[in-house]
N, C-alpha and C. Protein backbone atom coordinates (compact mmCIF):
# COMPACT_ATOMS: atom_id res chain seq x y z
N UNK A 1 191.87 145.21 8.64
CA UNK A 1 190.79 144.54 8.49
C UNK A 1 189.31 145.03 8.88
N UNK A 2 187.89 144.65 8.41
CA UNK A 2 186.65 145.26 8.59
C UNK A 2 186.06 144.52 9.71
N UNK A 3 186.20 143.38 10.11
CA UNK A 3 185.35 142.57 11.37
C UNK A 3 186.33 142.62 12.32
N UNK A 4 186.55 142.87 13.49
CA UNK A 4 187.23 142.59 14.74
C UNK A 4 186.90 141.28 14.96
N UNK A 5 187.88 140.02 15.52
CA UNK A 5 187.87 139.12 15.90
C UNK A 5 188.32 139.10 17.15
N UNK A 6 187.56 138.25 18.57
CA UNK A 6 187.65 138.56 19.60
C UNK A 6 186.93 137.36 20.28
N UNK A 7 187.31 136.25 20.69
CA UNK A 7 187.04 134.80 21.45
C UNK A 7 187.31 135.23 22.61
N UNK A 8 185.83 134.85 23.81
CA UNK A 8 186.08 134.83 25.29
C UNK A 8 186.36 133.74 25.18
N UNK A 9 186.74 133.29 27.03
CA UNK A 9 187.20 132.27 27.46
C UNK A 9 186.20 133.02 28.73
N UNK A 10 184.52 132.21 28.40
CA UNK A 10 183.61 132.87 29.19
C UNK A 10 183.44 132.07 30.57
N UNK A 11 183.79 130.57 30.46
CA UNK A 11 184.33 129.99 31.72
C UNK A 11 185.06 130.58 32.83
N UNK A 12 186.13 131.57 32.40
CA UNK A 12 187.08 131.81 32.92
C UNK A 12 186.72 132.94 34.27
N UNK A 13 185.83 133.49 33.44
CA UNK A 13 185.09 134.92 34.86
C UNK A 13 184.35 134.02 35.87
N UNK A 14 183.48 133.24 35.88
CA UNK A 14 182.99 131.97 36.50
C UNK A 14 183.72 131.79 37.07
N UNK A 15 184.83 130.97 36.65
CA UNK A 15 185.23 129.81 37.97
C UNK A 15 186.50 129.87 38.89
N UNK A 16 186.92 131.65 38.01
CA UNK A 16 188.34 132.33 38.96
C UNK A 16 188.47 133.87 39.09
N UNK A 17 188.52 134.03 40.06
CA UNK A 17 188.95 135.54 40.19
C UNK A 17 190.04 135.81 39.50
N UNK A 18 189.63 137.08 38.72
CA UNK A 18 190.87 137.38 38.03
C UNK A 18 191.95 138.38 38.78
N UNK A 19 192.78 138.47 38.97
CA UNK A 19 193.51 139.17 39.54
C UNK A 19 194.64 140.48 38.76
N UNK A 20 195.39 139.71 37.85
CA UNK A 20 196.02 140.99 37.15
C UNK A 20 195.55 140.31 35.50
N UNK A 21 195.69 141.41 34.35
CA UNK A 21 195.98 140.68 33.48
C UNK A 21 197.22 141.23 32.11
N UNK A 22 197.18 140.25 31.33
CA UNK A 22 198.65 140.79 30.61
C UNK A 22 197.86 140.65 29.05
N UNK A 23 198.66 141.11 27.87
CA UNK A 23 198.07 140.71 26.56
C UNK A 23 199.78 140.21 26.09
N UNK A 24 199.74 138.94 25.67
CA UNK A 24 200.90 138.24 25.37
C UNK A 24 200.61 138.21 23.55
N UNK A 25 201.55 137.80 23.06
CA UNK A 25 201.63 137.48 21.87
C UNK A 25 201.51 136.12 21.75
N UNK A 26 201.30 135.28 20.28
CA UNK A 26 201.54 133.71 20.25
C UNK A 26 202.67 133.51 19.49
N UNK A 27 203.46 132.46 19.17
CA UNK A 27 204.39 131.49 18.38
C UNK A 27 203.50 130.73 17.64
N UNK A 28 202.95 130.81 16.45
CA UNK A 28 202.07 130.28 15.52
C UNK A 28 202.73 129.58 14.22
N UNK A 29 201.97 129.11 14.07
CA UNK A 29 202.24 128.07 12.45
C UNK A 29 201.56 129.00 11.47
N UNK A 30 201.97 128.68 10.11
CA UNK A 30 200.53 129.63 9.31
C UNK A 30 199.29 129.14 8.92
N UNK A 31 199.26 127.87 9.27
CA UNK A 31 197.69 127.37 9.11
C UNK A 31 197.13 127.59 10.46
N UNK A 32 197.78 127.50 11.51
CA UNK A 32 196.91 128.26 12.64
C UNK A 32 196.85 129.53 13.06
N UNK A 33 197.20 130.84 12.58
CA UNK A 33 196.80 131.61 12.00
C UNK A 33 195.45 131.77 11.27
N UNK A 34 195.56 131.13 10.07
CA UNK A 34 194.65 130.73 9.68
C UNK A 34 193.31 130.27 10.06
N UNK A 35 193.23 129.16 10.46
CA UNK A 35 191.83 128.61 11.46
C UNK A 35 191.67 129.65 12.73
N UNK A 36 192.88 130.78 13.35
CA UNK A 36 191.96 131.64 14.26
C UNK A 36 191.28 132.53 13.25
N UNK A 37 191.74 132.88 12.70
CA UNK A 37 190.75 134.11 11.57
C UNK A 37 189.27 133.58 11.03
N UNK A 38 189.20 132.23 11.37
CA UNK A 38 188.08 131.74 10.55
C UNK A 38 187.54 131.57 11.96
N UNK A 39 187.87 132.16 13.59
CA UNK A 39 187.06 131.98 14.82
C UNK A 39 187.16 130.43 15.29
N UNK A 40 188.32 129.89 14.75
CA UNK A 40 187.91 128.17 14.96
C UNK A 40 189.08 127.55 16.46
N UNK A 41 188.65 128.59 17.78
CA UNK A 41 189.65 128.39 18.58
C UNK A 41 188.98 128.26 19.51
N UNK A 42 188.87 126.88 20.46
CA UNK A 42 188.32 127.12 22.04
C UNK A 42 189.49 127.01 23.12
N UNK A 43 189.02 128.05 24.04
CA UNK A 43 189.03 128.47 25.17
C UNK A 43 189.31 127.65 26.44
N UNK A 44 188.26 127.05 26.23
CA UNK A 44 187.55 126.52 27.64
C UNK A 44 188.68 125.36 28.36
N UNK A 45 189.80 124.92 27.89
CA UNK A 45 190.17 123.82 28.83
C UNK A 45 191.91 124.36 28.94
N UNK A 46 191.79 125.57 28.50
CA UNK A 46 193.29 125.99 28.38
C UNK A 46 194.18 126.64 29.56
N UNK A 47 195.35 126.45 29.78
CA UNK A 47 196.13 127.20 30.99
C UNK A 47 197.17 127.22 30.53
N UNK A 48 197.78 127.95 31.19
CA UNK A 48 199.79 128.53 31.28
C UNK A 48 200.12 128.04 32.01
N UNK A 49 201.25 127.60 31.73
CA UNK A 49 202.23 126.77 32.91
C UNK A 49 203.81 127.25 32.14
N UNK A 50 204.78 127.27 33.13
CA UNK A 50 206.08 127.30 32.85
C UNK A 50 206.79 125.89 32.50
N UNK A 51 207.35 126.28 31.32
CA UNK A 51 208.55 124.83 31.06
C UNK A 51 209.96 125.44 30.48
N UNK A 52 210.74 125.67 31.37
CA UNK A 52 212.27 125.83 30.96
C UNK A 52 212.43 127.48 30.86
N UNK A 53 211.50 128.05 31.72
CA UNK A 53 211.72 129.46 31.75
C UNK A 53 210.71 130.16 30.82
N UNK A 54 210.28 129.59 29.75
CA UNK A 54 209.32 130.20 28.93
C UNK A 54 207.55 129.75 29.17
N UNK A 55 206.79 130.65 29.01
CA UNK A 55 205.38 130.89 29.38
C UNK A 55 204.85 129.68 27.46
N UNK A 56 204.11 128.83 28.52
CA UNK A 56 203.39 128.17 27.40
C UNK A 56 201.85 128.03 27.77
N UNK A 57 200.96 127.97 26.89
CA UNK A 57 200.00 127.94 26.69
C UNK A 57 199.02 126.21 26.07
N UNK A 58 198.54 125.14 26.97
CA UNK A 58 198.48 124.05 26.79
C UNK A 58 197.01 123.73 26.93
N UNK A 59 196.51 122.75 26.22
CA UNK A 59 194.72 122.58 26.03
C UNK A 59 194.64 123.81 25.46
N UNK A 60 194.81 124.73 24.59
CA UNK A 60 194.23 125.54 23.52
C UNK A 60 193.70 124.87 22.05
N UNK A 61 192.88 124.36 22.24
CA UNK A 61 191.92 123.61 20.50
C UNK A 61 192.04 124.78 19.53
N UNK A 62 192.97 124.62 18.49
CA UNK A 62 192.70 125.44 17.61
C UNK A 62 192.60 124.42 16.64
N UNK A 63 191.44 124.45 15.64
CA UNK A 63 191.10 123.51 14.50
C UNK A 63 192.09 123.39 13.44
N UNK A 64 191.92 122.37 12.63
CA UNK A 64 192.81 122.57 11.23
C UNK A 64 192.25 122.63 10.72
N UNK A 65 193.31 123.65 9.64
CA UNK A 65 192.79 124.86 8.35
C UNK A 65 191.99 123.64 8.04
N UNK A 66 190.52 124.39 6.97
CA UNK A 66 189.95 123.50 6.24
C UNK A 66 190.70 123.36 5.04
N UNK A 67 191.52 124.39 4.22
CA UNK A 67 192.04 124.34 2.85
C UNK A 67 193.47 123.80 3.06
N UNK A 68 193.91 123.06 4.64
CA UNK A 68 195.25 122.85 4.89
C UNK A 68 195.63 121.63 4.00
N UNK A 69 196.84 121.29 3.94
CA UNK A 69 197.08 119.82 3.17
C UNK A 69 197.60 119.12 3.94
N UNK A 70 198.79 118.58 3.78
CA UNK A 70 199.17 117.53 4.90
C UNK A 70 200.40 118.34 5.80
N UNK A 71 199.91 119.50 5.76
CA UNK A 71 201.23 120.32 6.33
C UNK A 71 200.48 120.93 7.69
N UNK A 72 199.19 120.71 7.59
CA UNK A 72 198.53 120.83 8.71
C UNK A 72 199.09 120.77 10.15
N UNK A 73 198.67 121.37 10.75
CA UNK A 73 199.11 121.86 12.33
C UNK A 73 198.42 120.71 13.21
N UNK A 74 198.88 120.49 14.55
CA UNK A 74 198.87 119.66 15.20
C UNK A 74 197.68 120.09 16.00
N UNK A 75 196.36 119.93 16.69
CA UNK A 75 195.60 121.25 16.85
C UNK A 75 195.26 121.11 18.22
N UNK A 76 196.45 120.35 19.29
CA UNK A 76 196.18 121.21 20.71
C UNK A 76 197.70 120.78 21.30
N UNK A 77 198.73 121.39 20.76
CA UNK A 77 199.83 121.53 20.96
C UNK A 77 200.28 122.59 21.65
N UNK A 78 201.19 122.34 22.67
CA UNK A 78 201.66 123.92 23.38
C UNK A 78 202.49 124.26 22.79
N UNK A 79 201.98 126.09 23.10
CA UNK A 79 202.60 126.86 21.86
C UNK A 79 203.29 128.11 23.32
N UNK A 80 204.02 128.74 22.18
CA UNK A 80 205.00 129.76 23.31
C UNK A 80 204.30 130.63 23.33
N UNK A 81 204.05 131.48 24.27
CA UNK A 81 203.80 132.91 24.40
C UNK A 81 204.64 133.94 25.08
N UNK A 82 204.75 135.41 24.04
CA UNK A 82 205.97 136.29 23.93
C UNK A 82 205.31 137.20 25.08
N UNK A 83 206.31 137.35 26.03
CA UNK A 83 205.96 138.21 27.01
C UNK A 83 207.79 138.74 27.13
N UNK A 84 207.83 139.74 27.94
CA UNK A 84 208.51 140.68 28.70
C UNK A 84 209.36 139.93 29.58
N UNK A 85 210.79 140.03 29.40
CA UNK A 85 211.34 139.25 30.93
C UNK A 85 210.70 139.32 31.94
N UNK A 86 210.27 141.03 32.40
CA UNK A 86 210.10 141.45 33.60
C UNK A 86 208.76 140.80 34.21
N UNK A 87 207.73 140.63 32.94
CA UNK A 87 206.74 140.25 32.98
C UNK A 87 206.60 138.71 33.80
N UNK A 88 207.19 137.80 32.81
CA UNK A 88 207.53 136.54 32.80
C UNK A 88 207.85 136.32 33.96
N UNK A 89 209.16 137.14 34.88
CA UNK A 89 209.57 137.08 36.21
C UNK A 89 208.65 137.50 36.87
N UNK A 90 207.81 138.19 36.89
CA UNK A 90 206.38 138.25 37.58
C UNK A 90 205.57 137.53 37.86
N UNK A 91 205.30 136.66 36.88
CA UNK A 91 204.20 135.54 36.89
C UNK A 91 204.52 134.55 37.07
N UNK A 92 205.81 134.37 37.29
CA UNK A 92 206.35 132.87 37.63
C UNK A 92 206.54 133.41 39.05
N UNK A 93 206.90 134.44 39.84
CA UNK A 93 207.22 134.48 41.32
C UNK A 93 205.57 133.95 41.96
N UNK A 94 204.42 134.77 41.31
CA UNK A 94 203.37 134.75 41.73
C UNK A 94 202.15 134.04 41.50
N UNK A 95 202.86 133.10 40.58
CA UNK A 95 202.29 131.42 40.44
C UNK A 95 202.88 130.34 41.35
N UNK A 96 204.33 130.83 41.85
CA UNK A 96 204.67 130.19 43.02
C UNK A 96 204.01 129.60 44.27
N UNK A 97 203.11 131.25 44.50
CA UNK A 97 202.08 131.47 45.71
C UNK A 97 201.28 130.41 45.36
N UNK A 98 200.09 130.28 46.81
CA UNK A 98 199.53 128.93 46.68
C UNK A 98 198.19 129.38 46.17
N UNK A 99 197.68 128.38 45.16
CA UNK A 99 196.69 128.87 44.84
C UNK A 99 196.49 129.95 43.34
N UNK A 100 197.34 130.14 42.89
CA UNK A 100 197.34 131.14 41.93
C UNK A 100 197.27 130.60 40.78
N UNK A 101 196.92 130.31 39.41
CA UNK A 101 197.08 129.74 38.17
C UNK A 101 197.27 131.05 37.03
N UNK A 102 197.58 130.86 36.18
CA UNK A 102 197.48 131.49 34.96
C UNK A 102 196.69 130.98 33.46
N UNK A 103 195.44 131.89 32.76
CA UNK A 103 194.69 131.40 32.37
C UNK A 103 194.04 132.32 30.93
N UNK A 104 194.15 132.13 29.77
CA UNK A 104 193.46 132.64 28.99
C UNK A 104 192.31 133.36 29.28
N UNK A 105 192.17 134.37 28.99
CA UNK A 105 190.48 135.07 29.27
C UNK A 105 190.03 135.55 27.75
N UNK A 106 190.94 135.74 27.08
CA UNK A 106 190.40 136.13 25.20
C UNK A 106 191.45 136.01 24.46
N UNK A 107 191.18 135.67 22.99
CA UNK A 107 192.26 135.76 22.02
C UNK A 107 191.40 136.81 21.07
N UNK A 108 192.54 137.32 20.39
CA UNK A 108 191.97 138.25 19.19
C UNK A 108 192.99 139.17 18.27
N UNK A 109 192.98 139.25 17.46
CA UNK A 109 193.97 139.97 15.93
C UNK A 109 194.14 140.98 16.63
N UNK A 110 195.09 141.61 16.59
CA UNK A 110 195.67 143.20 16.50
C UNK A 110 195.64 143.74 15.62
N UNK A 111 196.05 145.28 15.61
CA UNK A 111 195.77 145.80 14.33
C UNK A 111 196.96 145.53 13.09
N UNK A 112 197.81 144.92 13.87
CA UNK A 112 198.29 144.80 12.79
C UNK A 112 198.40 143.17 12.11
N UNK A 113 197.43 142.77 12.29
CA UNK A 113 197.38 141.18 12.16
C UNK A 113 198.16 140.16 13.13
N UNK A 114 198.69 140.65 13.89
CA UNK A 114 198.63 139.49 14.78
C UNK A 114 198.16 138.71 15.89
N UNK A 115 198.15 137.81 16.07
CA UNK A 115 197.07 137.22 17.00
C UNK A 115 197.76 137.25 18.12
N UNK A 116 196.88 137.77 19.37
CA UNK A 116 197.49 138.13 20.70
C UNK A 116 196.55 137.36 22.08
N UNK A 117 197.15 137.06 22.19
CA UNK A 117 196.31 136.29 23.99
C UNK A 117 195.95 137.40 25.17
N UNK A 118 195.00 137.23 25.58
CA UNK A 118 195.11 138.21 27.07
C UNK A 118 194.69 136.84 27.95
N UNK A 119 195.79 136.92 29.09
CA UNK A 119 196.01 136.31 29.86
C UNK A 119 195.64 136.86 31.16
N UNK A 120 195.17 136.15 32.16
CA UNK A 120 195.08 136.46 33.67
C UNK A 120 195.66 135.73 35.01
N UNK A 121 196.26 136.42 35.41
CA UNK A 121 196.39 136.00 37.16
C UNK A 121 195.45 135.60 37.75
N UNK A 122 195.26 134.53 37.89
CA UNK A 122 193.75 133.96 38.38
C UNK A 122 193.84 132.93 40.06
N UNK A 123 192.99 133.45 40.28
CA UNK A 123 192.49 132.49 42.11
C UNK A 123 190.95 132.02 41.63
N UNK A 124 191.20 130.27 41.83
CA UNK A 124 190.02 129.95 41.95
C UNK A 124 188.85 130.20 43.02
N UNK A 125 187.41 130.23 42.39
CA UNK A 125 186.73 130.57 43.30
C UNK A 125 186.20 129.59 44.23
N UNK A 126 185.66 129.35 45.05
CA UNK A 126 184.85 128.50 45.94
C UNK A 126 183.26 128.27 45.45
N UNK A 127 182.85 127.27 45.97
CA UNK A 127 181.48 126.95 45.41
C UNK A 127 180.38 128.56 45.93
N UNK A 128 180.40 129.14 46.98
CA UNK A 128 179.60 130.00 47.18
C UNK A 128 179.73 131.76 46.72
N UNK A 129 181.18 131.36 46.19
CA UNK A 129 182.12 132.66 45.59
C UNK A 129 180.76 132.41 43.90
N UNK A 130 180.70 131.35 43.26
CA UNK A 130 180.25 131.16 42.13
C UNK A 130 178.98 131.28 42.33
N UNK A 131 178.05 131.02 43.25
CA UNK A 131 176.62 130.93 43.51
C UNK A 131 176.60 132.66 43.83
N UNK A 132 177.46 133.51 44.63
CA UNK A 132 177.03 135.00 44.75
C UNK A 132 177.37 135.63 42.71
N UNK A 133 178.10 134.89 42.51
CA UNK A 133 178.35 136.02 41.06
C UNK A 133 177.10 135.31 40.16
N UNK A 134 176.55 134.30 40.20
CA UNK A 134 175.14 133.76 39.69
C UNK A 134 174.11 134.68 40.27
N UNK A 135 173.88 135.37 41.34
CA UNK A 135 172.80 136.02 42.20
C UNK A 135 173.43 138.00 41.36
N UNK A 136 174.34 137.74 41.49
CA UNK A 136 174.93 139.62 40.87
C UNK A 136 174.25 139.36 39.38
N UNK A 137 174.62 138.22 38.69
CA UNK A 137 173.77 138.19 36.84
C UNK A 137 172.90 138.36 37.40
N UNK A 138 172.03 137.61 37.65
CA UNK A 138 170.34 137.57 38.02
C UNK A 138 169.82 139.18 38.26
N UNK A 139 170.19 139.60 39.16
CA UNK A 139 170.17 141.00 39.79
C UNK A 139 170.13 142.20 38.29
N UNK A 140 171.53 142.28 37.78
CA UNK A 140 171.41 142.91 36.71
C UNK A 140 170.42 142.68 35.43
N UNK A 141 170.70 141.45 35.09
CA UNK A 141 169.34 141.31 34.23
C UNK A 141 167.87 141.40 34.30
N UNK A 142 167.51 141.74 35.90
CA UNK A 142 166.30 142.15 36.10
C UNK A 142 166.42 143.50 35.99
N UNK A 143 167.56 144.34 36.34
CA UNK A 143 167.35 145.93 36.43
C UNK A 143 167.60 145.93 34.82
N UNK A 144 168.08 145.53 34.15
CA UNK A 144 168.29 145.40 32.60
C UNK A 144 166.55 145.74 32.06
N UNK A 145 166.22 144.57 32.47
CA UNK A 145 164.54 144.56 32.09
C UNK A 145 163.84 145.82 32.59
N UNK A 146 163.80 145.83 33.68
CA UNK A 146 162.99 146.95 34.27
C UNK A 146 163.17 148.36 33.95
N UNK A 147 164.82 148.78 33.38
CA UNK A 147 164.84 150.03 32.65
C UNK A 147 164.38 149.96 31.33
N UNK A 148 163.95 148.61 30.47
CA UNK A 148 163.76 148.65 29.20
C UNK A 148 162.03 149.02 29.49
N UNK A 149 161.34 149.14 30.33
CA UNK A 149 160.16 149.29 30.48
C UNK A 149 160.12 150.58 30.65
């Protein structure tokens, strides 16, 4: 592939403190992967949950494929995430702890052409933590401006 597709969940790093990161495969339909390659994915409201010992990503919006016929996919369906049993077991035990959740951080296409989802074990930030993040970002922007001059 000549250009690399990388779709970020910008809200995730602001709303959550990321403790661990994993790369998972996704079980997709044909029209879904075509829409992903067009970049028509929204990870903003998505989250991951366990259903019957399998990890699913929910509320991930993949727009319908423009050239698809009546075989087009449902845009907000639950999709299975593909991880090792060891990783699944570790994530399940950690999410049963208080206040931890699994959220998608980014989606990309691997060298072999498969769609991958970067997920993170996260803990929600409090309001004052969010303010601290905003202050750090402002300081970084000011330093970059000073370095340019």
